[in-house]
């Protein structure tokens, strides 16, 4: 998993995603939108977390 350090929100979303995965998270149900985009992208890019989008 590569982290994009150009945006603080992206960094925090990546850190949160990695932490949750280490604590046992395997599936994330997300509702992507402009405010949650960094978190949705971090979940979608993580190889060990299945991201399920709900529109």
N, C-alpha and C. Protein backbone atom coordinates (compact mmCIF):
# COMPACT_ATOMS: atom_id res chain seq x y z
N UNK A 1 0.85 -1.18 0.00
CA UNK A 1 0.00 0.00 0.00
C UNK A 1 0.89 1.23 0.00
N UNK A 2 0.73 2.08 -0.99
CA UNK A 2 1.50 3.32 -1.03
C UNK A 2 0.65 4.46 -0.48
N UNK A 3 1.29 5.37 0.24
CA UNK A 3 0.59 6.48 0.87
C UNK A 3 0.94 7.77 0.13
N UNK A 4 -0.08 8.55 -0.20
CA UNK A 4 0.10 9.84 -0.86
C UNK A 4 0.18 10.91 0.22
N UNK A 5 1.35 11.54 0.37
CA UNK A 5 1.56 12.51 1.44
C UNK A 5 1.24 13.95 1.04
N UNK A 6 0.58 14.17 -0.10
CA UNK A 6 0.28 15.53 -0.55
C UNK A 6 -0.87 16.16 0.22
N UNK A 7 -1.65 15.36 0.90
CA UNK A 7 -2.85 15.87 1.58
C UNK A 7 -2.93 15.26 2.98
N UNK A 8 -3.11 16.09 3.98
CA UNK A 8 -3.18 15.62 5.37
C UNK A 8 -4.32 14.63 5.57
N UNK A 9 -5.47 14.88 4.95
CA UNK A 9 -6.60 13.96 5.09
C UNK A 9 -6.28 12.58 4.52
N UNK A 10 -5.52 12.55 3.44
CA UNK A 10 -5.13 11.28 2.83
C UNK A 10 -4.21 10.51 3.76
N UNK A 11 -3.30 11.20 4.41
CA UNK A 11 -2.38 10.55 5.35
C UNK A 11 -3.16 9.95 6.51
N UNK A 12 -4.05 10.74 7.11
CA UNK A 12 -4.83 10.24 8.26
C UNK A 12 -5.74 9.09 7.86
N UNK A 13 -6.33 9.15 6.68
CA UNK A 13 -7.18 8.06 6.21
C UNK A 13 -6.37 6.78 6.04
N UNK A 14 -5.17 6.90 5.51
CA UNK A 14 -4.30 5.74 5.34
C UNK A 14 -3.87 5.16 6.68
N UNK A 15 -3.54 6.02 7.63
CA UNK A 15 -3.15 5.56 8.97
C UNK A 15 -4.33 4.85 9.64
N UNK A 16 -5.52 5.45 9.56
CA UNK A 16 -6.70 4.84 10.16
C UNK A 16 -7.01 3.49 9.52
N UNK A 17 -6.95 3.42 8.20
CA UNK A 17 -7.23 2.18 7.49
C UNK A 17 -6.25 1.08 7.90
N UNK A 18 -4.98 1.40 7.94
CA UNK A 18 -3.96 0.42 8.33
C UNK A 18 -4.16 -0.03 9.77
N UNK A 19 -4.47 0.90 10.65
CA UNK A 19 -4.70 0.55 12.06
C UNK A 19 -5.90 -0.37 12.21
N UNK A 20 -7.00 -0.05 11.54
CA UNK A 20 -8.18 -0.90 11.61
C UNK A 20 -7.91 -2.30 11.06
N UNK A 21 -7.14 -2.38 9.98
CA UNK A 21 -6.80 -3.68 9.41
C UNK A 21 -5.97 -4.49 10.40
N UNK A 22 -5.02 -3.87 11.06
CA UNK A 22 -4.19 -4.56 12.04
C UNK A 22 -5.00 -5.02 13.24
N UNK A 23 -6.10 -4.33 13.52
CA UNK A 23 -6.98 -4.73 14.63
C UNK A 23 -8.01 -5.78 14.21
N UNK A 24 -7.99 -6.17 12.93
CA UNK A 24 -8.84 -7.26 12.48
C UNK A 24 -9.91 -6.93 11.46
N UNK A 25 -9.99 -5.68 11.02
CA UNK A 25 -11.00 -5.32 10.03
C UNK A 25 -10.70 -6.00 8.70
N UNK A 26 -11.70 -6.65 8.11
CA UNK A 26 -11.52 -7.28 6.81
C UNK A 26 -12.46 -6.71 5.75
N UNK A 27 -13.57 -6.09 6.19
CA UNK A 27 -14.56 -5.55 5.26
C UNK A 27 -15.00 -4.17 5.73
N UNK A 28 -15.06 -3.23 4.80
CA UNK A 28 -15.53 -1.88 5.11
C UNK A 28 -16.67 -1.53 4.16
N UNK A 29 -17.79 -1.12 4.72
CA UNK A 29 -18.92 -0.65 3.92
C UNK A 29 -18.83 0.87 3.91
N UNK A 30 -18.67 1.43 2.72
CA UNK A 30 -18.44 2.87 2.61
C UNK A 30 -19.50 3.51 1.71
N UNK A 31 -19.77 4.77 1.97
CA UNK A 31 -20.66 5.57 1.15
C UNK A 31 -19.83 6.75 0.65
N UNK A 32 -19.16 6.57 -0.50
CA UNK A 32 -18.24 7.60 -0.96
C UNK A 32 -18.93 8.91 -1.33
N UNK A 33 -18.27 9.99 -0.97
CA UNK A 33 -18.73 11.33 -1.29
C UNK A 33 -17.53 12.26 -1.18
N UNK A 34 -17.72 13.51 -1.42
CA UNK A 34 -16.58 14.43 -1.45
C UNK A 34 -15.88 14.54 -0.10
N UNK A 35 -16.64 14.53 1.00
CA UNK A 35 -16.02 14.67 2.32
C UNK A 35 -15.34 13.40 2.80
N UNK A 36 -15.84 12.24 2.36
CA UNK A 36 -15.25 10.98 2.81
C UNK A 36 -14.35 10.35 1.75
N UNK A 37 -14.05 11.07 0.70
CA UNK A 37 -13.25 10.52 -0.40
C UNK A 37 -11.90 9.97 0.05
N UNK A 38 -11.12 10.66 0.88
CA UNK A 38 -9.83 10.08 1.28
C UNK A 38 -9.98 8.74 2.00
N UNK A 39 -11.00 8.62 2.85
CA UNK A 39 -11.23 7.37 3.56
C UNK A 39 -11.70 6.27 2.60
N UNK A 40 -12.59 6.61 1.70
CA UNK A 40 -13.07 5.64 0.72
C UNK A 40 -11.94 5.15 -0.17
N UNK A 41 -11.07 6.04 -0.59
CA UNK A 41 -9.93 5.67 -1.43
C UNK A 41 -8.96 4.79 -0.65
N UNK A 42 -8.69 5.13 0.60
CA UNK A 42 -7.77 4.34 1.42
C UNK A 42 -8.29 2.92 1.60
N UNK A 43 -9.60 2.77 1.89
CA UNK A 43 -10.17 1.43 2.02
C UNK A 43 -10.10 0.68 0.69
N UNK A 44 -10.44 1.34 -0.40
CA UNK A 44 -10.45 0.69 -1.71
C UNK A 44 -9.06 0.25 -2.16
N UNK A 45 -8.03 0.99 -1.77
CA UNK A 45 -6.67 0.66 -2.19
C UNK A 45 -5.98 -0.35 -1.28
N UNK A 46 -6.53 -0.60 -0.10
CA UNK A 46 -5.87 -1.51 0.83
C UNK A 46 -6.07 -2.95 0.35
N UNK A 47 -4.98 -3.70 0.19
CA UNK A 47 -5.09 -5.05 -0.36
C UNK A 47 -5.77 -6.07 0.56
N UNK A 48 -5.83 -5.81 1.86
CA UNK A 48 -6.39 -6.80 2.79
C UNK A 48 -7.79 -6.43 3.29
N UNK A 49 -8.35 -5.35 2.76
CA UNK A 49 -9.69 -4.93 3.17
C UNK A 49 -10.60 -4.92 1.95
N UNK A 50 -11.73 -5.60 2.08
CA UNK A 50 -12.74 -5.58 1.02
C UNK A 50 -13.61 -4.34 1.24
N UNK A 51 -13.65 -3.47 0.26
CA UNK A 51 -14.46 -2.25 0.35
C UNK A 51 -15.76 -2.46 -0.42
N UNK A 52 -16.88 -2.28 0.27
CA UNK A 52 -18.20 -2.43 -0.35
C UNK A 52 -18.84 -1.05 -0.41
N UNK A 53 -18.95 -0.47 -1.61
CA UNK A 53 -19.57 0.86 -1.72
C UNK A 53 -21.10 0.78 -1.72
N UNK A 54 -21.72 1.72 -1.04
CA UNK A 54 -23.18 1.85 -1.02
C UNK A 54 -23.49 3.25 -1.50
N UNK A 55 -24.24 3.33 -2.58
CA UNK A 55 -24.54 4.65 -3.15
C UNK A 55 -25.91 5.13 -2.78
